[in-house]
Full PDB file with SEQRES, HELIX, SHEET, SSBOND, CRYST1, ORIGX, SCALE, CONECT and MASTER records, all heavy atoms in Angstrom:
SEQRES   1 A   32  ASP ALA LYS VAL LEU LEU HIS VAL LEU HIS LEU ARG GLY          
SEQRES   2 A   32  LEU GLU LEU PHE PRO ASP GLY SER LEU VAL ARG ASP TYR          
SEQRES   3 A   32  GLY PHE PRO SER ALA ARG                                      
SHEET    1 AA1 2 GLY A  13  LEU A  16  0                                        
SHEET    2 AA1 2 LEU A  22  ASP A  25 -1                                        
CRYST1    1.000    1.000    1.000  90.00  90.00  90.00 P 1           1          
ORIGX1      1.000000  0.000000  0.000000        0.00000                         
ORIGX2      0.000000  1.000000  0.000000        0.00000                         
ORIGX3      0.000000  0.000000  1.000000        0.00000                         
SCALE1      1.000000  0.000000  0.000000        0.00000                         
SCALE2      0.000000  1.000000  0.000000        0.00000                         
SCALE3      0.000000  0.000000  1.000000        0.00000                         
ATOM      1  N   ASP A   1      -6.485  26.294   7.639  1.00  0.00           N  
ATOM      2  CA  ASP A   1      -7.520  26.380   6.615  1.00  0.00           C  
ATOM      3  C   ASP A   1      -8.420  25.158   6.592  1.00  0.00           C  
ATOM      4  O   ASP A   1      -9.591  25.255   6.226  1.00  0.00           O  
ATOM      5  CB  ASP A   1      -6.890  26.596   5.232  1.00  0.00           C  
ATOM      6  CG  ASP A   1      -5.805  25.565   4.943  1.00  0.00           C  
ATOM      7  OD1 ASP A   1      -5.469  24.812   5.867  1.00  0.00           O  
ATOM      8  OD2 ASP A   1      -5.295  25.527   3.813  1.00  0.00           O  
ATOM      9  N   ALA A   2      -7.906  23.992   6.942  1.00  0.00           N  
ATOM     10  CA  ALA A   2      -8.710  22.768   6.901  1.00  0.00           C  
ATOM     11  C   ALA A   2      -8.312  21.864   8.061  1.00  0.00           C  
ATOM     12  O   ALA A   2      -7.180  21.392   8.105  1.00  0.00           O  
ATOM     13  CB  ALA A   2      -8.528  22.046   5.570  1.00  0.00           C  
ATOM     14  N   LYS A   3      -9.241  21.643   8.982  1.00  0.00           N  
ATOM     15  CA  LYS A   3      -8.994  20.733  10.096  1.00  0.00           C  
ATOM     16  C   LYS A   3      -9.478  19.349   9.675  1.00  0.00           C  
ATOM     17  O   LYS A   3     -10.569  18.908  10.028  1.00  0.00           O  
ATOM     18  CB  LYS A   3      -9.692  21.217  11.351  1.00  0.00           C  
ATOM     19  CG  LYS A   3      -9.117  22.531  11.880  1.00  0.00           C  
ATOM     20  CD  LYS A   3      -9.777  22.947  13.190  1.00  0.00           C  
ATOM     21  CE  LYS A   3      -9.132  24.230  13.723  1.00  0.00           C  
ATOM     22  NZ  LYS A   3      -9.747  24.668  14.995  1.00  0.00           N  
ATOM     23  N   VAL A   4      -8.623  18.683   8.907  1.00  0.00           N  
ATOM     24  CA  VAL A   4      -8.957  17.393   8.315  1.00  0.00           C  
ATOM     25  C   VAL A   4      -7.793  16.447   8.530  1.00  0.00           C  
ATOM     26  O   VAL A   4      -6.622  16.851   8.432  1.00  0.00           O  
ATOM     27  CB  VAL A   4      -9.265  17.538   6.810  1.00  0.00           C  
ATOM     28  CG1 VAL A   4      -9.555  16.176   6.183  1.00  0.00           C  
ATOM     29  CG2 VAL A   4     -10.436  18.477   6.596  1.00  0.00           C  
ATOM     30  N   LEU A   5      -8.103  15.182   8.811  1.00  0.00           N  
ATOM     31  CA  LEU A   5      -7.094  14.139   8.949  1.00  0.00           C  
ATOM     32  C   LEU A   5      -7.192  13.176   7.780  1.00  0.00           C  
ATOM     33  O   LEU A   5      -8.291  12.789   7.362  1.00  0.00           O  
ATOM     34  CB  LEU A   5      -7.269  13.369  10.258  1.00  0.00           C  
ATOM     35  CG  LEU A   5      -6.883  14.079  11.555  1.00  0.00           C  
ATOM     36  CD1 LEU A   5      -7.197  13.194  12.749  1.00  0.00           C  
ATOM     37  CD2 LEU A   5      -5.411  14.470  11.557  1.00  0.00           C  
ATOM     38  N   LEU A   6      -6.033  12.785   7.256  1.00  0.00           N  
ATOM     39  CA  LEU A   6      -5.949  11.757   6.222  1.00  0.00           C  
ATOM     40  C   LEU A   6      -5.482  10.468   6.864  1.00  0.00           C  
ATOM     41  O   LEU A   6      -4.454  10.445   7.536  1.00  0.00           O  
ATOM     42  CB  LEU A   6      -4.976  12.183   5.124  1.00  0.00           C  
ATOM     43  CG  LEU A   6      -5.281  13.492   4.402  1.00  0.00           C  
ATOM     44  CD1 LEU A   6      -4.222  13.764   3.334  1.00  0.00           C  
ATOM     45  CD2 LEU A   6      -6.657  13.479   3.779  1.00  0.00           C  
ATOM     46  N   HIS A   7      -6.230   9.395   6.678  1.00  0.00           N  
ATOM     47  CA  HIS A   7      -5.899   8.096   7.256  1.00  0.00           C  
ATOM     48  C   HIS A   7      -5.238   7.247   6.165  1.00  0.00           C  
ATOM     49  O   HIS A   7      -5.844   6.984   5.119  1.00  0.00           O  
ATOM     50  CB  HIS A   7      -7.158   7.413   7.789  1.00  0.00           C  
ATOM     51  CG  HIS A   7      -7.874   8.228   8.822  1.00  0.00           C  
ATOM     52  ND1 HIS A   7      -7.642   8.094  10.179  1.00  0.00           N  
ATOM     53  CD2 HIS A   7      -8.807   9.219   8.703  1.00  0.00           C  
ATOM     54  CE1 HIS A   7      -8.401   8.939  10.849  1.00  0.00           C  
ATOM     55  NE2 HIS A   7      -9.123   9.634   9.982  1.00  0.00           N  
ATOM     56  N   VAL A   8      -4.010   6.822   6.419  1.00  0.00           N  
ATOM     57  CA  VAL A   8      -3.212   6.184   5.380  1.00  0.00           C  
ATOM     58  C   VAL A   8      -2.567   4.907   5.907  1.00  0.00           C  
ATOM     59  O   VAL A   8      -2.446   4.688   7.116  1.00  0.00           O  
ATOM     60  CB  VAL A   8      -2.107   7.132   4.869  1.00  0.00           C  
ATOM     61  CG1 VAL A   8      -2.698   8.415   4.326  1.00  0.00           C  
ATOM     62  CG2 VAL A   8      -1.093   7.439   5.969  1.00  0.00           C  
ATOM     63  N   LEU A   9      -2.153   4.086   4.953  1.00  0.00           N  
ATOM     64  CA  LEU A   9      -1.330   2.912   5.219  1.00  0.00           C  
ATOM     65  C   LEU A   9       0.030   3.147   4.584  1.00  0.00           C  
ATOM     66  O   LEU A   9       0.123   3.487   3.400  1.00  0.00           O  
ATOM     67  CB  LEU A   9      -1.957   1.648   4.632  1.00  0.00           C  
ATOM     68  CG  LEU A   9      -3.109   1.029   5.415  1.00  0.00           C  
ATOM     69  CD1 LEU A   9      -3.833  -0.007   4.562  1.00  0.00           C  
ATOM     70  CD2 LEU A   9      -2.622   0.399   6.701  1.00  0.00           C  
ATOM     71  N   HIS A  10       1.096   2.979   5.361  1.00  0.00           N  
ATOM     72  CA  HIS A  10       2.440   3.229   4.858  1.00  0.00           C  
ATOM     73  C   HIS A  10       2.932   2.070   4.003  1.00  0.00           C  
ATOM     74  O   HIS A  10       2.518   0.913   4.161  1.00  0.00           O  
ATOM     75  CB  HIS A  10       3.409   3.449   6.024  1.00  0.00           C  
ATOM     76  CG  HIS A  10       3.196   4.740   6.745  1.00  0.00           C  
ATOM     77  ND1 HIS A  10       3.419   5.957   6.159  1.00  0.00           N  
ATOM     78  CD2 HIS A  10       2.764   5.005   8.001  1.00  0.00           C  
ATOM     79  CE1 HIS A  10       3.142   6.920   7.022  1.00  0.00           C  
ATOM     80  NE2 HIS A  10       2.740   6.371   8.145  1.00  0.00           N  
ATOM     81  N   LEU A  11       3.836   2.403   3.100  1.00  0.00           N  
ATOM     82  CA  LEU A  11       4.465   1.385   2.258  1.00  0.00           C  
ATOM     83  C   LEU A  11       5.315   0.457   3.111  1.00  0.00           C  
ATOM     84  O   LEU A  11       6.142   0.907   3.904  1.00  0.00           O  
ATOM     85  CB  LEU A  11       5.329   2.066   1.193  1.00  0.00           C  
ATOM     86  CG  LEU A  11       6.133   1.148   0.280  1.00  0.00           C  
ATOM     87  CD1 LEU A  11       5.214   0.297  -0.577  1.00  0.00           C  
ATOM     88  CD2 LEU A  11       7.068   1.966  -0.605  1.00  0.00           C  
ATOM     89  N   ARG A  12       5.098  -0.843   2.970  1.00  0.00           N  
ATOM     90  CA  ARG A  12       5.845  -1.831   3.738  1.00  0.00           C  
ATOM     91  C   ARG A  12       6.975  -2.473   2.939  1.00  0.00           C  
ATOM     92  O   ARG A  12       7.921  -3.003   3.514  1.00  0.00           O  
ATOM     93  CB  ARG A  12       4.906  -2.932   4.238  1.00  0.00           C  
ATOM     94  CG  ARG A  12       3.761  -2.427   5.092  1.00  0.00           C  
ATOM     95  CD  ARG A  12       3.071  -3.556   5.807  1.00  0.00           C  
ATOM     96  NE  ARG A  12       2.645  -4.609   4.899  1.00  0.00           N  
ATOM     97  CZ  ARG A  12       2.006  -5.713   5.290  1.00  0.00           C  
ATOM     98  NH1 ARG A  12       1.722  -5.887   6.575  1.00  0.00           N  
ATOM     99  NH2 ARG A  12       1.644  -6.634   4.420  1.00  0.00           N  
ATOM    100  N   GLY A  13       6.874  -2.455   1.625  1.00  0.00           N  
ATOM    101  CA  GLY A  13       7.889  -3.092   0.792  1.00  0.00           C  
ATOM    102  C   GLY A  13       7.283  -3.506  -0.532  1.00  0.00           C  
ATOM    103  O   GLY A  13       6.292  -2.932  -0.996  1.00  0.00           O  
ATOM    104  N   LEU A  14       7.856  -4.506  -1.143  1.00  0.00           N  
ATOM    105  CA  LEU A  14       7.379  -5.037  -2.412  1.00  0.00           C  
ATOM    106  C   LEU A  14       6.826  -6.432  -2.194  1.00  0.00           C  
ATOM    107  O   LEU A  14       7.430  -7.241  -1.488  1.00  0.00           O  
ATOM    108  CB  LEU A  14       8.497  -5.068  -3.451  1.00  0.00           C  
ATOM    109  CG  LEU A  14       8.990  -3.709  -3.955  1.00  0.00           C  
ATOM    110  CD1 LEU A  14      10.211  -3.892  -4.844  1.00  0.00           C  
ATOM    111  CD2 LEU A  14       7.903  -2.972  -4.706  1.00  0.00           C  
ATOM    112  N   GLU A  15       5.687  -6.709  -2.823  1.00  0.00           N  
ATOM    113  CA  GLU A  15       5.060  -8.022  -2.709  1.00  0.00           C  
ATOM    114  C   GLU A  15       5.266  -8.791  -4.011  1.00  0.00           C  
ATOM    115  O   GLU A  15       4.961  -8.284  -5.092  1.00  0.00           O  
ATOM    116  CB  GLU A  15       3.564  -7.873  -2.421  1.00  0.00           C  
ATOM    117  CG  GLU A  15       2.851  -9.192  -2.205  1.00  0.00           C  
ATOM    118  CD  GLU A  15       1.396  -9.003  -1.835  1.00  0.00           C  
ATOM    119  OE1 GLU A  15       0.951  -7.837  -1.742  1.00  0.00           O  
ATOM    120  OE2 GLU A  15       0.692 -10.023  -1.642  1.00  0.00           O  
ATOM    121  N   LEU A  16       5.798 -10.004  -3.876  1.00  0.00           N  
ATOM    122  CA  LEU A  16       6.042 -10.861  -5.035  1.00  0.00           C  
ATOM    123  C   LEU A  16       4.843 -11.775  -5.234  1.00  0.00           C  
ATOM    124  O   LEU A  16       4.491 -12.566  -4.347  1.00  0.00           O  
ATOM    125  CB  LEU A  16       7.318 -11.689  -4.825  1.00  0.00           C  
ATOM    126  CG  LEU A  16       7.676 -12.668  -5.940  1.00  0.00           C  
ATOM    127  CD1 LEU A  16       7.961 -11.931  -7.245  1.00  0.00           C  
ATOM    128  CD2 LEU A  16       8.873 -13.526  -5.538  1.00  0.00           C  
ATOM    129  N   PHE A  17       4.203 -11.668  -6.388  1.00  0.00           N  
ATOM    130  CA  PHE A  17       3.032 -12.477  -6.697  1.00  0.00           C  
ATOM    131  C   PHE A  17       3.454 -13.757  -7.421  1.00  0.00           C  
ATOM    132  O   PHE A  17       4.560 -13.839  -7.969  1.00  0.00           O  
ATOM    133  CB  PHE A  17       2.050 -11.673  -7.550  1.00  0.00           C  
ATOM    134  CG  PHE A  17       1.274 -10.657  -6.766  1.00  0.00           C  
ATOM    135  CD1 PHE A  17       1.807  -9.409  -6.510  1.00  0.00           C  
ATOM    136  CD2 PHE A  17       0.023 -10.953  -6.255  1.00  0.00           C  
ATOM    137  CE1 PHE A  17       1.097  -8.475  -5.782  1.00  0.00           C  
ATOM    138  CE2 PHE A  17      -0.693 -10.027  -5.527  1.00  0.00           C  
ATOM    139  CZ  PHE A  17      -0.163  -8.781  -5.285  1.00  0.00           C  
ATOM    140  N   PRO A  18       2.583 -14.753  -7.414  1.00  0.00           N  
ATOM    141  CA  PRO A  18       2.946 -16.041  -8.043  1.00  0.00           C  
ATOM    142  C   PRO A  18       3.351 -15.916  -9.513  1.00  0.00           C  
ATOM    143  O   PRO A  18       4.123 -16.736 -10.004  1.00  0.00           O  
ATOM    144  CB  PRO A  18       1.671 -16.889  -7.878  1.00  0.00           C  
ATOM    145  CG  PRO A  18       1.000 -16.320  -6.664  1.00  0.00           C  
ATOM    146  CD  PRO A  18       1.283 -14.853  -6.711  1.00  0.00           C  
ATOM    147  N   ASP A  19       2.832 -14.915 -10.221  1.00  0.00           N  
ATOM    148  CA  ASP A  19       3.193 -14.782 -11.627  1.00  0.00           C  
ATOM    149  C   ASP A  19       4.552 -14.118 -11.826  1.00  0.00           C  
ATOM    150  O   ASP A  19       5.002 -13.949 -12.963  1.00  0.00           O  
ATOM    151  CB  ASP A  19       2.116 -13.998 -12.384  1.00  0.00           C  
ATOM    152  CG  ASP A  19       1.933 -12.588 -11.822  1.00  0.00           C  
ATOM    153  OD1 ASP A  19       2.586 -12.262 -10.811  1.00  0.00           O  
ATOM    154  OD2 ASP A  19       1.124 -11.832 -12.390  1.00  0.00           O  
ATOM    155  N   GLY A  20       5.214 -13.710 -10.714  1.00  0.00           N  
ATOM    156  CA  GLY A  20       6.534 -13.115 -10.796  1.00  0.00           C  
ATOM    157  C   GLY A  20       6.551 -11.606 -10.796  1.00  0.00           C  
ATOM    158  O   GLY A  20       7.635 -11.009 -10.834  1.00  0.00           O  
ATOM    159  N   SER A  21       5.399 -10.956 -10.745  1.00  0.00           N  
ATOM    160  CA  SER A  21       5.357  -9.498 -10.736  1.00  0.00           C  
ATOM    161  C   SER A  21       5.611  -8.967  -9.333  1.00  0.00           C  
ATOM    162  O   SER A  21       5.329  -9.626  -8.332  1.00  0.00           O  
ATOM    163  CB  SER A  21       3.998  -9.005 -11.236  1.00  0.00           C  
ATOM    164  OG  SER A  21       2.957  -9.499 -10.398  1.00  0.00           O  
ATOM    165  N   LEU A  22       6.146  -7.765  -9.261  1.00  0.00           N  
ATOM    166  CA  LEU A  22       6.409  -7.080  -8.002  1.00  0.00           C  
ATOM    167  C   LEU A  22       5.506  -5.859  -7.905  1.00  0.00           C  
ATOM    168  O   LEU A  22       5.460  -5.026  -8.816  1.00  0.00           O  
ATOM    169  CB  LEU A  22       7.877  -6.639  -7.908  1.00  0.00           C  
ATOM    170  CG  LEU A  22       8.904  -7.703  -7.536  1.00  0.00           C  
ATOM    171  CD1 LEU A  22      10.311  -7.134  -7.609  1.00  0.00           C  
ATOM    172  CD2 LEU A  22       8.636  -8.236  -6.137  1.00  0.00           C  
ATOM    173  N   VAL A  23       4.771  -5.772  -6.795  1.00  0.00           N  
ATOM    174  CA  VAL A  23       3.820  -4.687  -6.571  1.00  0.00           C  
ATOM    175  C   VAL A  23       4.083  -4.109  -5.192  1.00  0.00           C  
ATOM    176  O   VAL A  23       4.363  -4.849  -4.239  1.00  0.00           O  
ATOM    177  CB  VAL A  23       2.358  -5.191  -6.682  1.00  0.00           C  
ATOM    178  CG1 VAL A  23       1.372  -4.056  -6.399  1.00  0.00           C  
ATOM    179  CG2 VAL A  23       2.107  -5.786  -8.060  1.00  0.00           C  
ATOM    180  N   ARG A  24       4.004  -2.793  -5.078  1.00  0.00           N  
ATOM    181  CA  ARG A  24       4.183  -2.154  -3.777  1.00  0.00           C  
ATOM    182  C   ARG A  24       3.133  -2.656  -2.795  1.00  0.00           C  
ATOM    183  O   ARG A  24       1.936  -2.683  -3.104  1.00  0.00           O  
ATOM    184  CB  ARG A  24       4.103  -0.631  -3.921  1.00  0.00           C  
ATOM    185  CG  ARG A  24       5.364   0.009  -4.465  1.00  0.00           C  
ATOM    186  CD  ARG A  24       5.250   1.512  -4.485  1.00  0.00           C  
ATOM    187  NE  ARG A  24       4.265   1.947  -5.471  1.00  0.00           N  
ATOM    188  CZ  ARG A  24       4.546   2.228  -6.743  1.00  0.00           C  
ATOM    189  NH1 ARG A  24       5.788   2.120  -7.168  1.00  0.00           N  
ATOM    190  NH2 ARG A  24       3.607   2.618  -7.569  1.00  0.00           N  
ATOM    191  N   ASP A  25       3.597  -3.010  -1.607  1.00  0.00           N  
ATOM    192  CA  ASP A  25       2.726  -3.602  -0.586  1.00  0.00           C  
ATOM    193  C   ASP A  25       2.468  -2.563   0.499  1.00  0.00           C  
ATOM    194  O   ASP A  25       3.393  -2.120   1.184  1.00  0.00           O  
ATOM    195  CB  ASP A  25       3.388  -4.850   0.009  1.00  0.00           C  
ATOM    196  CG  ASP A  25       2.532  -5.486   1.091  1.00  0.00           C  
ATOM    197  OD1 ASP A  25       1.322  -5.206   1.121  1.00  0.00           O  
ATOM    198  OD2 ASP A  25       3.068  -6.252   1.901  1.00  0.00           O  
ATOM    199  N   TYR A  26       1.211  -2.192   0.635  1.00  0.00           N  
ATOM    200  CA  TYR A  26       0.806  -1.245   1.669  1.00  0.00           C  
ATOM    201  C   TYR A  26       0.026  -1.930   2.797  1.00  0.00           C  
ATOM    202  O   TYR A  26      -0.561  -1.264   3.629  1.00  0.00           O  
ATOM    203  CB  TYR A  26      -0.057  -0.141   1.070  1.00  0.00           C  
ATOM    204  CG  TYR A  26       0.665   0.710   0.060  1.00  0.00           C  
ATOM    205  CD1 TYR A  26       0.611   0.409  -1.302  1.00  0.00           C  
ATOM    206  CD2 TYR A  26       1.409   1.815   0.452  1.00  0.00           C  
ATOM    207  CE1 TYR A  26       1.280   1.194  -2.238  1.00  0.00           C  
ATOM    208  CE2 TYR A  26       2.073   2.598  -0.474  1.00  0.00           C  
ATOM    209  CZ  TYR A  26       2.002   2.282  -1.813  1.00  0.00           C  
ATOM    210  OH  TYR A  26       2.662   3.052  -2.733  1.00  0.00           O  
ATOM    211  N   GLY A  27       0.030  -3.230   2.778  1.00  0.00           N  
ATOM    212  CA  GLY A  27      -0.684  -3.944   3.833  1.00  0.00           C  
ATOM    213  C   GLY A  27      -2.099  -4.262   3.399  1.00  0.00           C  
ATOM    214  O   GLY A  27      -2.338  -4.776   2.317  1.00  0.00           O  
ATOM    215  N   PHE A  28      -3.051  -3.904   4.233  1.00  0.00           N  
ATOM    216  CA  PHE A  28      -4.454  -4.239   3.984  1.00  0.00           C  
ATOM    217  C   PHE A  28      -5.265  -2.965   3.948  1.00  0.00           C  
ATOM    218  O   PHE A  28      -5.340  -2.250   4.946  1.00  0.00           O  
ATOM    219  CB  PHE A  28      -4.953  -5.137   5.111  1.00  0.00           C  
ATOM    220  CG  PHE A  28      -6.412  -5.519   4.990  1.00  0.00           C  
ATOM    221  CD1 PHE A  28      -6.820  -6.414   4.022  1.00  0.00           C  
ATOM    222  CD2 PHE A  28      -7.362  -4.989   5.839  1.00  0.00           C  
ATOM    223  CE1 PHE A  28      -8.155  -6.772   3.918  1.00  0.00           C  
ATOM    224  CE2 PHE A  28      -8.675  -5.352   5.745  1.00  0.00           C  
ATOM    225  CZ  PHE A  28      -9.080  -6.237   4.780  1.00  0.00           C  
ATOM    226  N   PRO A  29      -5.841  -2.533   2.818  1.00  0.00           N  
ATOM    227  CA  PRO A  29      -5.838  -3.240   1.534  1.00  0.00           C  
ATOM    228  C   PRO A  29      -4.518  -3.053   0.807  1.00  0.00           C  
ATOM    229  O   PRO A  29      -3.797  -2.123   1.080  1.00  0.00           O  
ATOM    230  CB  PRO A  29      -6.967  -2.556   0.758  1.00  0.00           C  
ATOM    231  CG  PRO A  29      -6.957  -1.160   1.279  1.00  0.00           C  
ATOM    232  CD  PRO A  29      -6.585  -1.279   2.742  1.00  0.00           C  
ATOM    233  N   SER A  30      -4.238  -3.933  -0.142  1.00  0.00           N  
ATOM    234  CA  SER A  30      -2.981  -3.860  -0.872  1.00  0.00           C  
ATOM    235  C   SER A  30      -3.130  -2.909  -2.040  1.00  0.00           C  
ATOM    236  O   SER A  30      -4.163  -2.301  -2.271  1.00  0.00           O  
ATOM    237  CB  SER A  30      -2.594  -5.248  -1.391  1.00  0.00           C  
ATOM    238  OG  SER A  30      -3.472  -5.631  -2.437  1.00  0.00           O  
ATOM    239  N   ALA A  31      -2.046  -2.772  -2.786  1.00  0.00           N  
ATOM    240  CA  ALA A  31      -2.082  -1.908  -3.963  1.00  0.00           C  
ATOM    241  C   ALA A  31      -3.073  -2.435  -4.993  1.00  0.00           C  
ATOM    242  O   ALA A  31      -3.514  -1.700  -5.859  1.00  0.00           O  
ATOM    243  CB  ALA A  31      -0.693  -1.804  -4.578  1.00  0.00           C  
ATOM    244  N   ARG A  32      -3.414  -3.709  -4.904  1.00  0.00           N  
ATOM    245  CA  ARG A  32      -4.424  -4.262  -5.794  1.00  0.00           C  
ATOM    246  C   ARG A  32      -5.775  -4.222  -5.085  1.00  0.00           C  
ATOM    247  O   ARG A  32      -6.460  -5.225  -4.913  1.00  0.00           O  
ATOM    248  CB  ARG A  32      -4.072  -5.695  -6.178  1.00  0.00           C  
ATOM    249  CG  ARG A  32      -2.806  -5.758  -7.032  1.00  0.00           C  
ATOM    250  CD  ARG A  32      -2.565  -7.156  -7.556  1.00  0.00           C  
ATOM    251  NE  ARG A  32      -1.449  -7.176  -8.490  1.00  0.00           N  
ATOM    252  CZ  ARG A  32      -1.046  -8.258  -9.144  1.00  0.00           C  
ATOM    253  NH1 ARG A  32      -1.661  -9.393  -8.959  1.00  0.00           N  
ATOM    254  NH2 ARG A  32      -0.040  -8.196  -9.980  1.00  0.00           N  
TER     255      ARG A  32                                                      
MASTER        0    0    0    0    2    0    0    6  254    1    0    3          
END                                                                             
């Protein structure tokens, strides 16, 4: 029905930011 490709970045893990929060890290660009 649709010959379409989705280009994605896979989840690599969790990224710890200096403020102590944990955010899912998808590489570049990040979740932020």
